[in-house]
Amino acid sequence: MEDFFQVGIYANTHGVRGEIKVFPTTDDPKRFRRLKQVIMRTEKEEFVLEIQSVRFAKQMVLLKFKGIDNINDIERYKGSGLFVPRKDAVPLKKDEYFVADLIGLTVYTDEGEELGTLSEVIQTGANDVYVVQTDEKELLLPAIAQCVQSVSLEEGKMIVHMMEGLMDL
């Protein structure tokens, strides 16, 4: 299981006083209001930043960090991911899972046949779609109760019911 979850990507600077625009990668961008700090990861380093203020503009989150008061102090980190530890993650409801925990699960049919590995989750709006990499191709499975029978993170597996036509896609 992942110990840290990405909640955003530093997209650009905003003004000259160190504020940044963040593209949220979380289902709930308003969660930034409850965060006290985030971990910024670059290719070479990672460090903790304490959040001073949070604002919203269109689909972006505007963050100001304590001690970062100049565009030059933050500009070089553009494109970096912003992460939170699992303990600061949004609480999940019943039958909800973090995408990071689903990736890599072995997917089986309800008849016991191994299909492959869950490699990606596509968020469509109506329902998520699970991409399962088989030996021959990718299967697209809707993340709905009629298809997904059970998920066991502990066992690293997902059981699905192959509804008619899913193997043909």
Protein backbone atom coordinates (compact mmCIF):
# COMPACT_ATOMS: atom_id res chain seq x y z
CA MET A 1 0.00 0.00 0.00
CA GLU A 2 1.09 3.52 -0.71
CA ASP A 3 2.22 5.63 2.24
CA PHE A 4 1.70 8.93 0.40
CA PHE A 5 -1.00 10.17 -1.98
CA GLN A 6 -0.63 12.82 -4.63
CA VAL A 7 -3.17 15.61 -4.16
CA GLY A 8 -1.95 18.02 -6.81
CA ILE A 9 0.62 19.10 -9.36
CA TYR A 10 2.32 22.48 -9.21
CA ALA A 11 1.21 23.91 -12.56
CA ASN A 12 2.48 27.50 -12.50
CA THR A 13 3.30 30.51 -10.41
CA HIS A 14 0.65 33.08 -9.53
CA GLY A 15 1.93 36.62 -9.11
CA VAL A 16 5.40 37.48 -7.81
CA ARG A 17 4.99 36.84 -4.07
CA GLY A 18 5.46 33.06 -4.11
CA GLU A 19 1.87 31.90 -4.60
CA ILE A 20 1.42 28.90 -6.92
CA LYS A 21 -1.34 27.40 -9.05
CA VAL A 22 -1.98 23.74 -8.32
CA PHE A 23 -3.88 21.34 -10.56
CA PRO A 24 -5.75 19.16 -8.04
CA THR A 25 -5.46 15.38 -8.50
CA THR A 26 -7.85 14.66 -5.66
CA ASP A 27 -11.60 14.07 -5.90
CA ASP A 28 -12.13 16.85 -3.35
CA PRO A 29 -10.09 20.01 -4.08
CA LYS A 30 -11.72 21.71 -1.07
CA ARG A 31 -9.60 19.36 1.08
CA PHE A 32 -6.71 21.81 0.65
CA ARG A 33 -8.47 24.06 3.16
CA ARG A 34 -8.00 21.39 5.84
CA LEU A 35 -4.35 20.67 5.06
CA LYS A 36 -1.63 22.21 7.20
CA GLN A 37 1.25 21.06 5.02
CA VAL A 38 2.15 19.15 1.86
CA ILE A 39 5.23 17.33 0.65
CA MET A 40 6.64 18.63 -2.63
CA ARG A 41 8.51 16.01 -4.66
CA THR A 42 10.86 16.83 -7.49
CA GLU A 43 12.98 14.35 -9.43
CA LYS A 44 15.87 14.93 -7.03
CA GLU A 45 14.40 15.94 -3.68
CA GLU A 46 11.36 16.15 -1.47
CA PHE A 47 10.55 18.62 1.27
CA VAL A 48 7.68 19.68 3.49
CA LEU A 49 5.93 23.00 2.89
CA GLU A 50 3.63 24.58 5.45
CA ILE A 51 0.46 26.02 3.91
CA GLN A 52 -0.20 29.66 4.74
CA SER A 53 -3.29 30.28 2.60
CA VAL A 54 -5.60 28.54 0.13
CA ARG A 55 -7.78 30.10 -2.57
CA PHE A 56 -9.60 28.71 -5.59
CA ALA A 57 -9.62 30.03 -9.16
CA LYS A 58 -11.54 28.10 -11.81
CA GLN A 59 -10.27 24.48 -11.66
CA MET A 60 -7.04 25.46 -9.90
CA VAL A 61 -6.04 25.75 -6.25
CA LEU A 62 -3.89 28.75 -5.33
CA LEU A 63 -1.47 27.96 -2.51
CA LYS A 64 0.79 30.25 -0.52
CA PHE A 65 3.45 28.64 1.67
CA LYS A 66 5.01 30.04 4.82
CA GLY A 67 8.51 31.34 4.16
CA ILE A 68 8.05 31.46 0.37
CA ASP A 69 7.55 35.14 -0.40
CA ASN A 70 9.18 35.50 -3.78
CA ILE A 71 8.50 33.92 -7.17
CA ASN A 72 12.21 33.03 -7.43
CA ASP A 73 11.98 30.82 -4.31
CA ILE A 74 9.37 28.49 -5.84
CA GLU A 75 9.46 28.85 -9.63
CA ARG A 76 12.15 26.20 -10.19
CA TYR A 77 9.88 23.48 -8.73
CA LYS A 78 7.18 23.88 -11.39
CA GLY A 79 5.76 20.50 -12.44
CA SER A 80 6.42 18.89 -9.06
CA GLY A 81 3.85 16.70 -7.32
CA LEU A 82 2.26 17.64 -4.00
CA PHE A 83 1.69 14.72 -1.62
CA VAL A 84 0.14 14.02 1.76
CA PRO A 85 0.80 11.08 4.07
CA ARG A 86 -1.87 8.37 4.25
CA LYS A 87 -2.84 9.56 7.76
CA ASP A 88 -3.92 12.91 6.23
CA ALA A 89 -5.93 11.30 3.42
CA VAL A 90 -9.65 11.92 3.09
CA PRO A 91 -11.61 9.23 4.97
CA LEU A 92 -13.19 6.70 2.64
CA LYS A 93 -16.76 5.48 2.66
CA LYS A 94 -17.70 1.82 2.47
CA ASP A 95 -16.54 0.20 -0.80
CA GLU A 96 -14.34 3.19 -1.71
CA TYR A 97 -10.63 2.77 -2.37
CA PHE A 98 -7.67 4.95 -3.16
CA VAL A 99 -6.63 4.60 -6.80
CA ALA A 100 -3.02 4.08 -5.69
CA ASP A 101 -4.12 1.03 -3.69
CA LEU A 102 -6.02 -0.50 -6.62
CA ILE A 103 -3.19 -0.28 -9.14
CA GLY A 104 -1.39 -3.62 -9.30
CA LEU A 105 -4.26 -5.78 -8.02
CA THR A 106 -4.62 -9.14 -9.76
CA VAL A 107 -8.09 -9.35 -11.32
CA TYR A 108 -10.03 -12.64 -11.39
CA THR A 109 -13.45 -13.52 -12.78
CA ASP A 110 -16.11 -14.80 -10.39
CA GLU A 111 -15.45 -18.20 -12.00
CA GLY A 112 -11.83 -18.19 -10.79
CA GLU A 113 -10.08 -17.32 -14.07
CA GLU A 114 -7.18 -14.86 -13.76
CA LEU A 115 -7.70 -11.97 -16.16
CA GLY A 116 -4.64 -9.82 -15.51
CA THR A 117 -3.44 -6.82 -13.54
CA LEU A 118 -5.30 -3.60 -12.88
CA SER A 119 -3.01 -1.02 -14.50
CA GLU A 120 -5.02 2.20 -14.55
CA VAL A 121 -8.23 3.81 -13.32
CA ILE A 122 -9.98 6.15 -15.75
CA GLN A 123 -12.33 8.66 -14.12
CA THR A 124 -15.18 9.33 -16.52
CA GLY A 125 -17.66 11.22 -14.37
CA ALA A 126 -20.46 8.64 -14.45
CA ASN A 127 -18.34 5.85 -12.99
CA ASP A 128 -14.68 4.91 -12.98
CA VAL A 129 -13.35 2.44 -15.52
CA TYR A 130 -10.71 -0.10 -14.54
CA VAL A 131 -8.07 -0.92 -17.15
CA VAL A 132 -6.96 -4.54 -16.78
CA GLN A 133 -3.84 -5.61 -18.65
CA THR A 134 -4.23 -9.20 -19.86
CA ASP A 135 -1.69 -11.26 -21.80
CA GLU A 136 -3.35 -10.30 -25.09
CA LYS A 137 -4.98 -6.90 -24.62
CA GLU A 138 -6.39 -4.31 -22.27
CA LEU A 139 -9.86 -4.87 -20.84
CA LEU A 140 -12.00 -1.93 -19.81
CA LEU A 141 -14.25 -2.80 -16.88
CA PRO A 142 -16.84 -0.44 -15.42
CA ALA A 143 -16.40 0.14 -11.68
CA ILE A 144 -20.02 -0.67 -10.89
CA ALA A 145 -21.55 -3.13 -8.43
CA GLN A 146 -22.83 -5.41 -11.23
CA CYS A 147 -19.26 -5.93 -12.43
CA VAL A 148 -16.95 -5.56 -9.40
CA GLN A 149 -17.87 -8.30 -6.94
CA SER A 150 -15.15 -7.81 -4.32
CA VAL A 151 -11.84 -6.10 -3.62
CA SER A 152 -9.28 -7.41 -1.16
CA LEU A 153 -6.32 -5.09 -0.73
CA GLU A 154 -4.85 -7.50 1.82
CA GLU A 155 -4.85 -10.37 -0.69
CA GLY A 156 -4.02 -8.10 -3.63
CA LYS A 157 -6.98 -9.20 -5.71
CA MET A 158 -10.25 -8.10 -7.24
CA ILE A 159 -13.11 -10.40 -8.28
CA VAL A 160 -15.24 -9.27 -11.23
CA HIS A 161 -18.29 -10.57 -13.02
CA MET A 162 -17.72 -10.44 -16.76
CA MET A 163 -20.94 -8.97 -18.05
CA GLU A 164 -21.93 -9.84 -21.60
CA GLY A 165 -19.85 -8.02 -24.21
CA LEU A 166 -17.01 -6.87 -21.93
CA MET A 167 -14.49 -9.30 -23.42
CA ASP A 168 -15.35 -8.05 -26.92
CA LEU A 169 -14.34 -4.43 -26.30
